[in-house]
Amino acid sequence: MKFSFKNDYSEGCHPNILEALLHSNTNQQAGYGEDEYSLKVKDLIKKTINNQEADVYFVSGGTQANLIVISSILRPYQCAVSASTGHILNNETGAIEATGHKILSIETEDGKLKSSDIQTVLNSHRNVPHQVMPKLVYISNSTELGTIYQRQELEELSEFCRKNNLYLFMDGARLGHAITSEISDLSLEDIAKLTDVFYLGGTKNGALIGEAIIINNTSLQEDFAFNIKQKGALLAKGRLLGVQFLELMKNDLYFDLAKHANQQAMKIKNALLEKGTVFLSDTYTNQIFPILSHDIIEILSGKFEFYVWKNINENYSAIRLITSWNTSDEAIQDFIKIIDENL
């Protein structure tokens, strides 16, 4: 069986989560997120981000989180702004547009937005009231290209959004990997202060399923639960999400798992760099995009699964490799061995 570098959710979940689910399985609990596990981890998350005024909600997946947050925040005539690589643009089957909200796309080299990018959009949407109103800035951290926001970048973006009366929403499907990157200088507390809404991704970091939506802007909190229910995201057995996040947040397991995934990716990256390999983007998270010859790609595909991400020319393509909380040293060594023998 081939080892998969296609994504970071090929495995089920971390054993601690299975044990916690089994241990709590027959304990009767209140439904719809009012169970003791969900309530306890919500308090734990608030303490971690140092914001007791935040609201925390659990939903099953990232697309669901993006859909609910954006459709809840925006009025019918308002729209979102996103990098052209943004998940809401390319991987969600028009979920946001289906709620009646346009997404304005911005081309970027590294998947990150800057205030100057957004200013260009604002300048081109001044024909009031004949154009949609840009109101929400959507960013991913880490981005779909594996890059991350540094504190100064996020501070500048946050300040710009507040000055221009824009909401800042961070897709945190891989937020653990962003925070534990070797070049990161952001904490969860920083992110909570600098965004209106963000979420902690569990699906791609050791959970069976689940994302924790965290609403920092108190003006956006009212009636949010109605939107979750209306979109079919309010689980009767909300305990299933609460138990998982409680286990992830205990003893920093969430961050340890993401750090492991990053470190495994960096082993491959460093081995490729030693061979003179060029990368599509310079990443320090669990996503890397090496540009390899088609011959090498064919050899690697005999033992590993991964995506051929972008054709560069008739001889070379960029592939995407993603490591997970469970990527073994053996898999990394096998990959590097093939690289050493053929590059």
Protein backbone atom coordinates (compact mmCIF):
# COMPACT_ATOMS: atom_id res chain seq x y z
CA MET A 1 0.00 0.00 0.00
CA LYS A 2 1.32 3.45 -0.94
CA PHE A 3 1.94 6.00 1.79
CA SER A 4 -0.19 9.10 1.22
CA PHE A 5 1.15 12.64 1.27
CA LYS A 6 -2.10 13.88 -0.31
CA ASN A 7 -3.58 15.43 2.82
CA ASP A 8 -3.41 15.65 6.60
CA TYR A 9 -6.67 13.85 7.30
CA SER A 10 -6.01 10.41 5.81
CA GLU A 11 -5.88 8.85 9.27
CA GLY A 12 -8.75 8.69 11.73
CA CYS A 13 -7.67 10.52 14.87
CA HIS A 14 -5.09 10.59 17.62
CA PRO A 15 -5.41 7.60 20.01
CA ASN A 16 -6.03 9.90 22.99
CA ILE A 17 -9.22 11.08 21.33
CA LEU A 18 -10.46 7.54 20.72
CA GLU A 19 -9.77 6.70 24.35
CA ALA A 20 -11.60 9.81 25.53
CA LEU A 21 -14.60 9.05 23.32
CA LEU A 22 -14.68 5.46 24.57
CA HIS A 23 -14.28 6.48 28.21
CA SER A 24 -17.13 9.01 28.00
CA ASN A 25 -19.30 6.95 25.68
CA THR A 26 -22.03 5.87 28.12
CA ASN A 27 -22.07 9.05 30.21
CA GLN A 28 -25.41 10.77 29.67
CA GLN A 29 -25.02 14.38 28.68
CA ALA A 30 -27.10 17.34 27.54
CA GLY A 31 -27.40 17.78 23.77
CA TYR A 32 -26.55 20.52 21.28
CA GLY A 33 -23.22 21.49 22.78
CA GLU A 34 -24.45 21.94 26.33
CA ASP A 35 -22.58 18.86 27.55
CA GLU A 36 -19.91 19.17 30.22
CA TYR A 37 -17.07 18.45 27.78
CA SER A 38 -18.02 21.21 25.34
CA LEU A 39 -18.59 23.72 28.13
CA LYS A 40 -15.26 22.86 29.75
CA VAL A 41 -13.22 23.17 26.57
CA LYS A 42 -14.94 26.43 25.65
CA ASP A 43 -13.69 27.88 28.93
CA LEU A 44 -10.25 26.42 28.25
CA ILE A 45 -10.12 28.04 24.81
CA LYS A 46 -11.18 31.40 26.25
CA LYS A 47 -8.38 31.18 28.81
CA THR A 48 -5.88 30.22 26.12
CA ILE A 49 -6.74 33.25 23.97
CA ASN A 50 -7.14 35.45 27.08
CA ASN A 51 -10.61 36.62 26.08
CA GLN A 52 -13.51 35.72 28.35
CA GLU A 53 -15.85 37.73 26.12
CA ALA A 54 -15.33 35.46 23.11
CA ASP A 55 -18.01 33.04 21.94
CA VAL A 56 -16.98 29.52 20.93
CA TYR A 57 -18.97 27.15 18.71
CA PHE A 58 -18.12 23.72 17.35
CA VAL A 59 -19.03 22.56 13.85
CA SER A 60 -18.00 19.52 11.86
CA GLY A 61 -15.85 20.91 9.02
CA GLY A 62 -14.03 23.84 7.45
CA THR A 63 -16.39 24.53 4.56
CA GLN A 64 -19.26 24.48 7.03
CA ALA A 65 -17.43 26.94 9.28
CA ASN A 66 -16.67 29.32 6.40
CA LEU A 67 -20.22 29.15 5.09
CA ILE A 68 -21.84 29.80 8.45
CA VAL A 69 -19.49 32.60 9.52
CA ILE A 70 -19.59 34.54 6.26
CA SER A 71 -23.32 34.16 5.63
CA SER A 72 -24.04 35.17 9.23
CA ILE A 73 -21.85 38.25 9.22
CA LEU A 74 -22.70 39.77 5.85
CA ARG A 75 -25.83 41.58 4.80
CA PRO A 76 -27.33 40.63 1.42
CA TYR A 77 -25.54 43.42 -0.48
CA GLN A 78 -22.12 42.83 1.10
CA CYS A 79 -19.29 40.64 -0.15
CA ALA A 80 -16.05 38.97 0.89
CA VAL A 81 -12.52 39.68 -0.29
CA SER A 82 -10.13 36.76 -0.72
CA ALA A 83 -6.80 35.82 -2.24
CA SER A 84 -7.32 33.96 -5.51
CA THR A 85 -5.99 30.82 -3.84
CA GLY A 86 -8.53 31.06 -1.01
CA HIS A 87 -10.40 27.92 -0.04
CA ILE A 88 -13.76 29.66 -0.34
CA LEU A 89 -12.97 30.42 -3.99
CA ASN A 90 -11.52 27.13 -5.16
CA ASN A 91 -12.62 24.28 -2.93
CA GLU A 92 -16.13 24.91 -1.65
CA THR A 93 -18.36 24.46 -4.70
CA GLY A 94 -19.64 28.02 -4.59
CA ALA A 95 -20.93 27.62 -1.03
CA ILE A 96 -20.51 31.31 -0.23
CA GLU A 97 -21.99 32.47 -3.53
CA ALA A 98 -24.93 30.14 -2.97
CA THR A 99 -25.85 32.23 0.08
CA GLY A 100 -25.99 35.31 -2.13
CA HIS A 101 -22.58 36.79 -1.37
CA LYS A 102 -20.01 37.59 -4.03
CA ILE A 103 -16.30 36.92 -3.47
CA LEU A 104 -13.86 39.47 -4.85
CA SER A 105 -10.62 37.74 -5.84
CA ILE A 106 -7.11 39.17 -5.48
CA GLU A 107 -4.10 37.63 -7.21
CA THR A 108 -1.15 37.08 -4.87
CA GLU A 109 2.21 35.37 -5.20
CA ASP A 110 2.20 33.68 -1.81
CA GLY A 111 -1.48 33.26 -0.92
CA LYS A 112 -1.40 36.14 1.60
CA LEU A 113 -3.31 39.41 1.46
CA LYS A 114 -1.82 42.84 2.14
CA SER A 115 -3.63 46.08 2.93
CA SER A 116 -2.53 47.52 -0.44
CA ASP A 117 -4.30 44.62 -2.19
CA ILE A 118 -7.51 45.34 -0.35
CA GLN A 119 -7.23 49.07 -0.92
CA THR A 120 -7.24 48.42 -4.67
CA VAL A 121 -10.53 46.54 -4.28
CA LEU A 122 -12.03 49.34 -2.19
CA ASN A 123 -10.97 51.93 -4.77
CA SER A 124 -12.75 50.01 -7.53
CA HIS A 125 -15.99 49.67 -5.55
CA ARG A 126 -16.93 53.26 -4.86
CA ASN A 127 -19.95 53.42 -7.17
CA VAL A 128 -22.45 53.42 -4.30
CA PRO A 129 -25.03 51.88 -4.27
CA HIS A 130 -24.55 50.18 -7.65
CA GLN A 131 -21.79 47.76 -6.67
CA VAL A 132 -21.52 45.20 -3.94
CA MET A 133 -20.00 46.48 -0.72
CA PRO A 134 -16.69 44.87 0.34
CA LYS A 135 -17.17 44.10 4.02
CA LEU A 136 -15.27 40.96 5.02
CA VAL A 137 -11.63 40.09 4.44
CA TYR A 138 -11.04 36.33 4.34
CA ILE A 139 -7.54 35.00 5.00
CA SER A 140 -6.16 31.52 5.63
CA ASN A 141 -3.36 30.74 8.09
CA SER A 142 -1.55 28.72 7.03
CA THR A 143 -2.54 29.58 3.48
CA GLU A 144 -3.44 27.16 0.73
CA LEU A 145 0.17 27.53 -0.44
CA GLY A 146 1.58 26.65 2.98
CA THR A 147 2.72 30.18 3.83
CA ILE A 148 1.96 31.91 7.13
CA TYR A 149 1.23 35.38 8.44
CA GLN A 150 3.79 36.97 10.74
CA ARG A 151 2.64 39.20 13.61
CA GLN A 152 3.54 42.44 11.85
CA GLU A 153 1.67 41.39 8.72
CA LEU A 154 -1.44 40.49 10.68
CA GLU A 155 -1.24 43.66 12.78
CA GLU A 156 -1.09 45.82 9.65
CA LEU A 157 -3.96 43.92 8.07
CA SER A 158 -6.05 44.13 11.23
CA GLU A 159 -5.46 47.87 11.61
CA PHE A 160 -6.38 48.45 7.97
CA CYS A 161 -9.60 46.47 8.32
CA ARG A 162 -10.66 48.36 11.43
CA LYS A 163 -9.90 51.73 9.87
CA ASN A 164 -11.98 50.80 6.84
CA ASN A 165 -14.85 49.18 8.77
CA LEU A 166 -14.08 45.70 7.43
CA TYR A 167 -14.38 42.41 9.28
CA LEU A 168 -11.27 40.21 9.39
CA PHE A 169 -11.99 36.48 9.31
CA MET A 170 -9.21 33.88 9.55
CA ASP A 171 -9.73 30.37 8.18
CA GLY A 172 -7.83 28.26 10.68
CA ALA A 173 -8.16 24.83 9.12
CA ARG A 174 -4.37 24.54 9.52
CA LEU A 175 -3.90 27.16 12.22
CA GLY A 176 -2.00 24.77 14.45
CA HIS A 177 0.59 24.30 11.74
CA ALA A 178 0.88 28.07 11.24
CA ILE A 179 1.41 28.82 14.92
CA THR A 180 3.97 26.04 15.45
CA SER A 181 5.96 26.83 12.31
CA GLU A 182 9.63 27.43 13.08
CA ILE A 183 9.34 30.97 11.72
CA SER A 184 6.05 31.90 13.41
CA ASP A 185 5.85 34.71 15.94
CA LEU A 186 2.07 34.61 16.45
CA SER A 187 0.15 33.11 19.35
CA LEU A 188 -3.54 32.26 19.66
CA GLU A 189 -3.88 35.25 21.95
CA ASP A 190 -2.43 37.51 19.24
CA ILE A 191 -4.82 36.12 16.65
CA ALA A 192 -7.82 36.59 18.95
CA LYS A 193 -6.89 40.26 19.43
CA LEU A 194 -6.31 40.92 15.75
CA THR A 195 -9.29 39.17 14.13
CA ASP A 196 -13.05 39.50 14.42
CA VAL A 197 -13.55 35.77 13.92
CA PHE A 198 -11.24 32.79 13.44
CA TYR A 199 -11.43 29.08 13.89
CA LEU A 200 -9.24 26.30 15.20
CA GLY A 201 -9.12 23.41 12.77
CA GLY A 202 -9.34 19.94 14.26
CA THR A 203 -10.05 17.86 11.17
CA LYS A 204 -6.55 18.44 9.76
CA ASN A 205 -4.80 18.17 13.10
CA GLY A 206 -5.65 14.93 14.84
CA ALA A 207 -9.42 15.06 15.33
CA LEU A 208 -11.95 12.77 13.67
CA ILE A 209 -13.89 15.85 12.63
CA GLY A 210 -14.41 19.32 13.98
CA GLU A 211 -13.58 23.03 13.90
CA ALA A 212 -13.91 25.50 16.77
CA ILE A 213 -15.32 28.86 15.64
CA ILE A 214 -14.18 31.69 17.91
CA ILE A 215 -16.01 35.04 17.67
CA ASN A 216 -13.94 37.82 19.21
CA ASN A 217 -16.02 40.77 18.00
CA THR A 218 -18.92 40.95 20.45
CA SER A 219 -21.10 42.81 17.93
CA LEU A 220 -21.13 39.67 15.76
CA GLN A 221 -22.12 37.26 18.51
CA GLU A 222 -25.84 37.94 18.82
CA ASP A 223 -28.04 35.19 17.37
CA PHE A 224 -25.09 33.32 15.86
CA ALA A 225 -26.42 30.03 17.21
CA PHE A 226 -29.53 30.46 15.03
CA ASN A 227 -27.34 30.43 11.94
CA ILE A 228 -25.60 27.24 13.03
CA LYS A 229 -28.93 25.52 13.57
CA GLN A 230 -30.43 26.79 10.32
CA LYS A 231 -27.44 25.50 8.32
CA GLY A 232 -27.79 22.03 9.84
CA ALA A 233 -24.56 22.29 11.80
CA LEU A 234 -25.89 22.08 15.37
CA LEU A 235 -25.21 18.46 16.33
CA ALA A 236 -27.61 16.85 18.79
CA LYS A 237 -24.61 14.87 20.03
CA GLY A 238 -22.44 17.95 20.33
CA ARG A 239 -20.43 16.08 22.94
CA LEU A 240 -18.63 14.29 20.10
CA LEU A 241 -16.94 17.56 19.17
CA GLY A 242 -16.51 18.75 22.73
CA VAL A 243 -14.74 15.58 23.83
CA GLN A 244 -12.33 15.80 20.90
CA PHE A 245 -11.38 19.43 21.41
CA LEU A 246 -11.04 18.97 25.14
CA GLU A 247 -8.49 16.23 24.49
CA LEU A 248 -6.69 18.31 21.85
CA MET A 249 -6.40 21.37 24.08
CA LYS A 250 -5.22 19.43 27.14
CA ASN A 251 -1.47 19.51 27.70
CA ASP A 252 -0.94 21.31 24.35
CA LEU A 253 -1.62 18.14 22.32
CA TYR A 254 -3.07 20.31 19.53
CA PHE A 255 0.21 22.17 19.12
CA ASP A 256 2.39 19.10 19.56
CA LEU A 257 0.61 17.30 16.72
CA ALA A 258 0.93 20.27 14.37
CA LYS A 259 4.58 20.74 15.26
CA HIS A 260 5.30 17.10 14.45
CA ALA A 261 3.66 17.46 11.03
CA ASN A 262 5.71 20.58 10.32
CA GLN A 263 8.96 18.94 11.36
CA GLN A 264 8.34 15.93 9.13
CA ALA A 265 7.69 18.19 6.13
CA MET A 266 10.86 20.16 6.84
CA LYS A 267 12.93 16.96 6.77
CA ILE A 268 11.81 16.38 3.19
CA LYS A 269 12.22 20.03 2.30
CA ASN A 270 15.79 20.17 3.61
CA ALA A 271 16.71 16.96 1.81
CA LEU A 272 15.41 18.39 -1.45
CA LEU A 273 17.17 21.72 -0.87
CA GLU A 274 20.45 19.86 -0.50
CA LYS A 275 19.85 18.48 -3.99
CA GLY A 276 19.23 21.97 -5.40
CA THR A 277 15.48 21.61 -5.72
CA VAL A 278 13.42 24.75 -6.35
CA PHE A 279 10.04 25.19 -4.65
CA LEU A 280 6.82 26.81 -5.84
CA SER A 281 6.57 28.66 -2.52
CA ASP A 282 8.89 28.95 0.46
CA THR A 283 6.98 27.22 3.23
CA TYR A 284 7.73 26.23 6.81
CA THR A 285 4.56 24.32 7.58
CA ASN A 286 3.32 20.83 6.75
CA GLN A 287 2.71 21.72 3.08
CA ILE A 288 5.61 21.86 0.63
CA PHE A 289 5.59 22.31 -3.13
CA PRO A 290 8.84 21.05 -4.71
CA ILE A 291 9.34 21.40 -8.46
CA LEU A 292 10.59 18.08 -9.83
CA SER A 293 11.19 16.47 -13.19
CA HIS A 294 8.43 14.29 -14.55
CA ASP A 295 10.82 11.32 -14.40
CA ILE A 296 11.37 11.77 -10.66
CA ILE A 297 7.66 12.33 -10.09
CA GLU A 298 6.88 9.05 -11.83
CA ILE A 299 9.41 7.18 -9.66
CA LEU A 300 8.03 8.72 -6.46
CA SER A 301 4.44 7.98 -7.47
CA GLY A 302 5.31 4.29 -7.49
CA LYS A 303 5.52 4.32 -3.69
CA PHE A 304 3.75 7.49 -2.56
CA GLU A 305 0.50 9.30 -3.24
CA PHE A 306 0.53 13.08 -3.73
CA TYR A 307 -0.94 15.71 -5.99
CA VAL A 308 0.78 17.02 -9.08
CA TRP A 309 -0.05 20.61 -8.27
CA LYS A 310 1.05 22.73 -11.21
CA ASN A 311 2.69 22.07 -14.56
CA ILE A 312 5.79 24.26 -14.92
CA ASN A 313 6.93 23.22 -18.41
CA GLU A 314 7.17 20.11 -20.55
CA ASN A 315 9.78 18.59 -18.22
CA TYR A 316 8.89 19.82 -14.73
CA SER A 317 5.88 20.09 -12.43
CA ALA A 318 5.30 21.20 -8.86
CA ILE A 319 3.91 18.55 -6.55
CA ARG A 320 2.21 19.11 -3.20
CA LEU A 321 3.32 17.05 -0.22
CA ILE A 322 1.38 17.26 3.05
CA THR A 323 2.49 15.62 6.27
CA SER A 324 0.25 14.88 9.24
CA TRP A 325 0.32 14.37 13.00
CA ASN A 326 0.90 10.67 12.26
CA THR A 327 3.51 10.83 9.48
CA SER A 328 6.21 8.37 10.53
CA ASP A 329 9.96 8.69 10.36
CA GLU A 330 9.97 5.55 8.22
CA ALA A 331 7.83 7.19 5.54
CA ILE A 332 10.05 10.27 5.53
CA GLN A 333 13.21 8.17 5.30
CA ASP A 334 11.79 6.12 2.42
CA PHE A 335 10.94 9.30 0.53
CA ILE A 336 14.36 10.84 1.13
CA LYS A 337 16.08 7.61 0.07
CA ILE A 338 14.39 7.75 -3.34
CA ILE A 339 15.39 11.41 -3.66
CA ASP A 340 19.01 10.59 -2.78
CA GLU A 341 19.14 7.77 -5.29
CA ASN A 342 17.57 9.64 -8.19
CA LEU A 343 18.44 13.33 -7.86
